[in-house]
Amino acid sequence: MLESFEPPKWVPLVYNLIALYWIADGGFDLVAGLSAKEPSIIAAVFGGFWMMIGFGLFVRVEFVRGLVNILSFLKIAFGLLAIVGGLVGSAIVGAADRPVRG
């Protein structure tokens, strides 16, 4: 028999704060894209997309929650790749930057 799992009391609050962050961040990108000296429709579209993702999280749409899982995985994977690339790059540049003794 499976028992019902009840999440800790702080989880819904943090979940809603994260959803509000996505909405606010997307709104900032949307406004910044439209109000620049040279408006960027691409920045505005992406800002609107992130706002819709945040709203979907806020109202708990399962498709959006799955999409956020995929996007979060990709962000973590590319972040780790950037760390590895930075370490390898600094090893190469650091080795090439040293004066040759002779």
N, C-alpha and C. Protein backbone atom coordinates (compact mmCIF):
# COMPACT_ATOMS: atom_id res chain seq x y z
N MET A 1 0.84 -1.17 0.00
CA MET A 1 0.00 0.00 0.00
C MET A 1 0.90 1.24 0.00
N LEU A 2 0.63 2.18 -0.90
CA LEU A 2 1.41 3.41 -0.98
C LEU A 2 0.84 4.46 -0.05
N GLU A 3 1.75 5.12 0.65
CA GLU A 3 1.31 6.20 1.53
C GLU A 3 1.38 7.52 0.78
N SER A 4 0.51 8.42 1.15
CA SER A 4 0.48 9.74 0.53
C SER A 4 1.66 10.56 1.03
N PHE A 5 2.34 11.23 0.10
CA PHE A 5 3.48 12.07 0.46
C PHE A 5 3.02 13.50 0.57
N GLU A 6 3.25 14.10 1.69
CA GLU A 6 2.91 15.50 1.92
C GLU A 6 4.19 16.32 1.93
N PRO A 7 4.35 17.26 0.98
CA PRO A 7 5.58 18.06 0.95
C PRO A 7 5.65 18.99 2.16
N PRO A 8 6.85 19.40 2.52
CA PRO A 8 6.98 20.35 3.63
C PRO A 8 6.21 21.64 3.35
N LYS A 9 5.88 22.37 4.40
CA LYS A 9 5.05 23.57 4.29
C LYS A 9 5.69 24.66 3.44
N TRP A 10 7.02 24.72 3.38
CA TRP A 10 7.70 25.80 2.67
C TRP A 10 7.76 25.58 1.17
N VAL A 11 7.51 24.37 0.70
CA VAL A 11 7.65 24.05 -0.72
C VAL A 11 6.70 24.87 -1.61
N PRO A 12 5.38 24.96 -1.30
CA PRO A 12 4.51 25.77 -2.17
C PRO A 12 4.92 27.24 -2.23
N LEU A 13 5.39 27.78 -1.12
CA LEU A 13 5.82 29.18 -1.10
C LEU A 13 7.02 29.38 -2.03
N VAL A 14 8.01 28.51 -1.93
CA VAL A 14 9.20 28.63 -2.78
C VAL A 14 8.82 28.39 -4.24
N TYR A 15 7.94 27.44 -4.50
CA TYR A 15 7.48 27.17 -5.87
C TYR A 15 6.83 28.42 -6.47
N ASN A 16 5.95 29.06 -5.70
CA ASN A 16 5.28 30.27 -6.19
C ASN A 16 6.27 31.42 -6.38
N LEU A 17 7.26 31.53 -5.50
CA LEU A 17 8.27 32.58 -5.66
C LEU A 17 9.09 32.36 -6.93
N ILE A 18 9.41 31.11 -7.23
CA ILE A 18 10.16 30.82 -8.46
C ILE A 18 9.31 31.14 -9.68
N ALA A 19 8.02 30.80 -9.64
CA ALA A 19 7.12 31.13 -10.75
C ALA A 19 7.03 32.64 -10.93
N LEU A 20 6.92 33.38 -9.83
CA LEU A 20 6.87 34.84 -9.92
C LEU A 20 8.18 35.41 -10.45
N TYR A 21 9.30 34.78 -10.10
CA TYR A 21 10.60 35.22 -10.64
C TYR A 21 10.62 35.07 -12.16
N TRP A 22 10.13 33.93 -12.67
CA TRP A 22 10.10 33.72 -14.12
C TRP A 22 9.22 34.77 -14.80
N ILE A 23 8.08 35.09 -14.17
CA ILE A 23 7.18 36.10 -14.74
C ILE A 23 7.86 37.46 -14.74
N ALA A 24 8.48 37.84 -13.62
CA ALA A 24 9.13 39.15 -13.52
C ALA A 24 10.32 39.25 -14.47
N ASP A 25 11.11 38.19 -14.56
CA ASP A 25 12.27 38.20 -15.45
C ASP A 25 11.84 38.31 -16.91
N GLY A 26 10.81 37.57 -17.28
CA GLY A 26 10.28 37.67 -18.64
C GLY A 26 9.69 39.04 -18.92
N GLY A 27 9.01 39.61 -17.92
CA GLY A 27 8.46 40.96 -18.09
C GLY A 27 9.55 41.99 -18.27
N PHE A 28 10.63 41.84 -17.52
CA PHE A 28 11.76 42.77 -17.67
C PHE A 28 12.36 42.66 -19.07
N ASP A 29 12.55 41.43 -19.55
CA ASP A 29 13.09 41.25 -20.90
C ASP A 29 12.14 41.82 -21.96
N LEU A 30 10.85 41.63 -21.75
CA LEU A 30 9.86 42.16 -22.69
C LEU A 30 9.91 43.68 -22.75
N VAL A 31 9.90 44.31 -21.59
CA VAL A 31 9.94 45.78 -21.54
C VAL A 31 11.27 46.31 -22.07
N ALA A 32 12.37 45.67 -21.69
CA ALA A 32 13.69 46.11 -22.15
C ALA A 32 13.81 45.96 -23.66
N GLY A 33 13.24 44.91 -24.21
CA GLY A 33 13.30 44.71 -25.65
C GLY A 33 12.50 45.73 -26.43
N LEU A 34 11.40 46.18 -25.85
CA LEU A 34 10.54 47.13 -26.56
C LEU A 34 10.92 48.59 -26.31
N SER A 35 11.57 48.87 -25.19
CA SER A 35 11.82 50.27 -24.85
C SER A 35 13.25 50.72 -25.13
N ALA A 36 14.04 49.90 -25.76
CA ALA A 36 15.41 50.28 -26.08
C ALA A 36 15.40 51.31 -27.22
N LYS A 37 16.56 51.95 -27.44
CA LYS A 37 16.66 52.90 -28.55
C LYS A 37 16.32 52.23 -29.87
N GLU A 38 16.80 51.02 -30.02
CA GLU A 38 16.46 50.21 -31.18
C GLU A 38 15.69 48.99 -30.67
N PRO A 39 14.35 49.04 -30.69
CA PRO A 39 13.56 47.93 -30.13
C PRO A 39 13.89 46.60 -30.80
N SER A 40 13.95 45.57 -29.97
CA SER A 40 14.26 44.23 -30.45
C SER A 40 13.03 43.35 -30.29
N ILE A 41 12.42 43.00 -31.41
CA ILE A 41 11.23 42.16 -31.36
C ILE A 41 11.58 40.76 -30.86
N ILE A 42 12.80 40.30 -31.13
CA ILE A 42 13.21 38.97 -30.67
C ILE A 42 13.30 38.95 -29.15
N ALA A 43 13.89 39.99 -28.55
CA ALA A 43 13.97 40.06 -27.08
C ALA A 43 12.57 40.13 -26.49
N ALA A 44 11.68 40.87 -27.13
CA ALA A 44 10.31 40.98 -26.63
C ALA A 44 9.58 39.65 -26.72
N VAL A 45 9.78 38.92 -27.81
CA VAL A 45 9.13 37.62 -27.97
C VAL A 45 9.64 36.64 -26.92
N PHE A 46 10.96 36.60 -26.71
CA PHE A 46 11.50 35.71 -25.69
C PHE A 46 11.03 36.12 -24.29
N GLY A 47 10.95 37.42 -24.03
CA GLY A 47 10.44 37.88 -22.75
C GLY A 47 9.00 37.44 -22.53
N GLY A 48 8.18 37.56 -23.57
CA GLY A 48 6.80 37.09 -23.46
C GLY A 48 6.72 35.59 -23.26
N PHE A 49 7.61 34.86 -23.93
CA PHE A 49 7.65 33.40 -23.77
C PHE A 49 7.97 33.03 -22.32
N TRP A 50 8.98 33.69 -21.73
CA TRP A 50 9.36 33.38 -20.35
C TRP A 50 8.24 33.78 -19.39
N MET A 51 7.52 34.87 -19.70
CA MET A 51 6.38 35.25 -18.86
C MET A 51 5.30 34.18 -18.90
N MET A 52 5.02 33.64 -20.10
CA MET A 52 4.00 32.59 -20.21
C MET A 52 4.45 31.32 -19.48
N ILE A 53 5.74 31.00 -19.56
CA ILE A 53 6.25 29.84 -18.82
C ILE A 53 6.04 30.06 -17.32
N GLY A 54 6.38 31.25 -16.83
CA GLY A 54 6.19 31.55 -15.41
C GLY A 54 4.73 31.48 -15.01
N PHE A 55 3.84 31.99 -15.86
CA PHE A 55 2.41 31.93 -15.55
C PHE A 55 1.94 30.48 -15.56
N GLY A 56 2.44 29.68 -16.50
CA GLY A 56 2.09 28.26 -16.52
C GLY A 56 2.56 27.53 -15.27
N LEU A 57 3.73 27.91 -14.77
CA LEU A 57 4.19 27.34 -13.50
C LEU A 57 3.28 27.75 -12.36
N PHE A 58 2.89 29.02 -12.38
CA PHE A 58 2.07 29.56 -11.29
C PHE A 58 0.71 28.86 -11.20
N VAL A 59 0.11 28.55 -12.35
CA VAL A 59 -1.19 27.87 -12.35
C VAL A 59 -1.04 26.35 -12.43
N ARG A 60 0.20 25.87 -12.40
CA ARG A 60 0.54 24.45 -12.32
C ARG A 60 0.04 23.63 -13.52
N VAL A 61 0.40 24.09 -14.72
CA VAL A 61 0.12 23.34 -15.95
C VAL A 61 1.22 22.29 -16.10
N GLU A 62 0.83 21.03 -16.19
CA GLU A 62 1.81 19.93 -16.21
C GLU A 62 2.76 20.01 -17.39
N PHE A 63 2.26 20.39 -18.57
CA PHE A 63 3.13 20.50 -19.74
C PHE A 63 4.23 21.52 -19.49
N VAL A 64 3.88 22.64 -18.91
CA VAL A 64 4.86 23.70 -18.63
C VAL A 64 5.85 23.22 -17.58
N ARG A 65 5.37 22.50 -16.59
CA ARG A 65 6.28 21.99 -15.55
C ARG A 65 7.30 21.03 -16.16
N GLY A 66 6.86 20.19 -17.09
CA GLY A 66 7.79 19.30 -17.79
C GLY A 66 8.78 20.06 -18.65
N LEU A 67 8.29 21.11 -19.32
CA LEU A 67 9.16 21.94 -20.14
C LEU A 67 10.22 22.63 -19.29
N VAL A 68 9.83 23.09 -18.11
CA VAL A 68 10.79 23.73 -17.21
C VAL A 68 11.83 22.72 -16.72
N ASN A 69 11.42 21.48 -16.50
CA ASN A 69 12.39 20.44 -16.13
C ASN A 69 13.44 20.27 -17.22
N ILE A 70 13.00 20.22 -18.48
CA ILE A 70 13.94 20.07 -19.60
C ILE A 70 14.85 21.29 -19.70
N LEU A 71 14.26 22.49 -19.63
CA LEU A 71 15.06 23.72 -19.72
C LEU A 71 16.07 23.81 -18.57
N SER A 72 15.66 23.41 -17.38
CA SER A 72 16.57 23.45 -16.24
C SER A 72 17.72 22.46 -16.42
N PHE A 73 17.41 21.27 -16.93
CA PHE A 73 18.46 20.29 -17.20
C PHE A 73 19.46 20.85 -18.21
N LEU A 74 18.95 21.47 -19.28
CA LEU A 74 19.84 22.04 -20.29
C LEU A 74 20.70 23.16 -19.72
N LYS A 75 20.10 23.99 -18.86
CA LYS A 75 20.88 25.07 -18.24
C LYS A 75 22.01 24.51 -17.38
N ILE A 76 21.71 23.48 -16.60
CA ILE A 76 22.74 22.86 -15.75
C ILE A 76 23.81 22.21 -16.61
N ALA A 77 23.39 21.48 -17.66
CA ALA A 77 24.36 20.80 -18.53
C ALA A 77 25.28 21.81 -19.22
N PHE A 78 24.72 22.89 -19.76
CA PHE A 78 25.56 23.88 -20.44
C PHE A 78 26.41 24.66 -19.44
N GLY A 79 25.93 24.83 -18.21
CA GLY A 79 26.75 25.46 -17.18
C GLY A 79 27.96 24.62 -16.84
N LEU A 80 27.75 23.31 -16.69
CA LEU A 80 28.87 22.41 -16.42
C LEU A 80 29.84 22.37 -17.60
N LEU A 81 29.29 22.39 -18.81
CA LEU A 81 30.14 22.42 -20.00
C LEU A 81 30.97 23.70 -20.04
N ALA A 82 30.39 24.82 -19.63
CA ALA A 82 31.14 26.08 -19.60
C ALA A 82 32.26 26.04 -18.57
N ILE A 83 32.01 25.38 -17.44
CA ILE A 83 33.05 25.25 -16.42
C ILE A 83 34.21 24.42 -16.97
N VAL A 84 33.89 23.29 -17.59
CA VAL A 84 34.94 22.44 -18.16
C VAL A 84 35.68 23.19 -19.26
N GLY A 85 34.95 23.89 -20.12
CA GLY A 85 35.59 24.67 -21.17
C GLY A 85 36.48 25.77 -20.62
N GLY A 86 36.05 26.39 -19.54
CA GLY A 86 36.88 27.42 -18.91
C GLY A 86 38.15 26.86 -18.32
N LEU A 87 38.04 25.68 -17.70
CA LEU A 87 39.23 25.06 -17.13
C LEU A 87 40.21 24.63 -18.21
N VAL A 88 39.69 24.01 -19.26
CA VAL A 88 40.56 23.58 -20.36
C VAL A 88 41.16 24.80 -21.06
N GLY A 89 40.34 25.81 -21.28
CA GLY A 89 40.83 27.03 -21.93
C GLY A 89 41.89 27.73 -21.12
N SER A 90 41.71 27.79 -19.81
CA SER A 90 42.72 28.44 -18.98
C SER A 90 44.00 27.62 -18.92
N ALA A 91 43.88 26.30 -19.01
CA ALA A 91 45.08 25.47 -19.04
C ALA A 91 45.86 25.69 -20.33
N ILE A 92 45.14 25.82 -21.44
CA ILE A 92 45.81 26.05 -22.73
C ILE A 92 46.41 27.44 -22.79
N VAL A 93 45.63 28.44 -22.45
CA VAL A 93 46.12 29.82 -22.50
C VAL A 93 47.21 30.04 -21.46
N GLY A 94 47.04 29.44 -20.30
CA GLY A 94 48.06 29.57 -19.26
C GLY A 94 49.38 28.96 -19.70
N ALA A 95 49.33 27.82 -20.38
CA ALA A 95 50.55 27.17 -20.85
C ALA A 95 51.18 27.97 -21.99
N ALA A 96 50.37 28.57 -22.85
CA ALA A 96 50.90 29.33 -23.98
C ALA A 96 51.39 30.71 -23.54
N ASP A 97 50.95 31.17 -22.40
CA ASP A 97 51.30 32.51 -21.93
C ASP A 97 52.66 32.55 -21.24
N ARG A 98 53.16 31.39 -20.83
CA ARG A 98 54.44 31.35 -20.12
C ARG A 98 55.59 31.58 -21.08
N PRO A 99 56.61 32.31 -20.66
CA PRO A 99 57.77 32.50 -21.55
C PRO A 99 58.55 31.19 -21.70
N VAL A 100 59.10 31.01 -22.86
CA VAL A 100 59.89 29.81 -23.14
C VAL A 100 61.30 30.04 -22.63
N ARG A 101 61.80 29.09 -21.85
CA ARG A 101 63.18 29.22 -21.34
C ARG A 101 64.13 28.58 -22.33
N GLY A 102 65.19 29.21 -22.55
CA GLY A 102 66.09 28.60 -23.51
C GLY A 102 67.40 29.16 -23.45
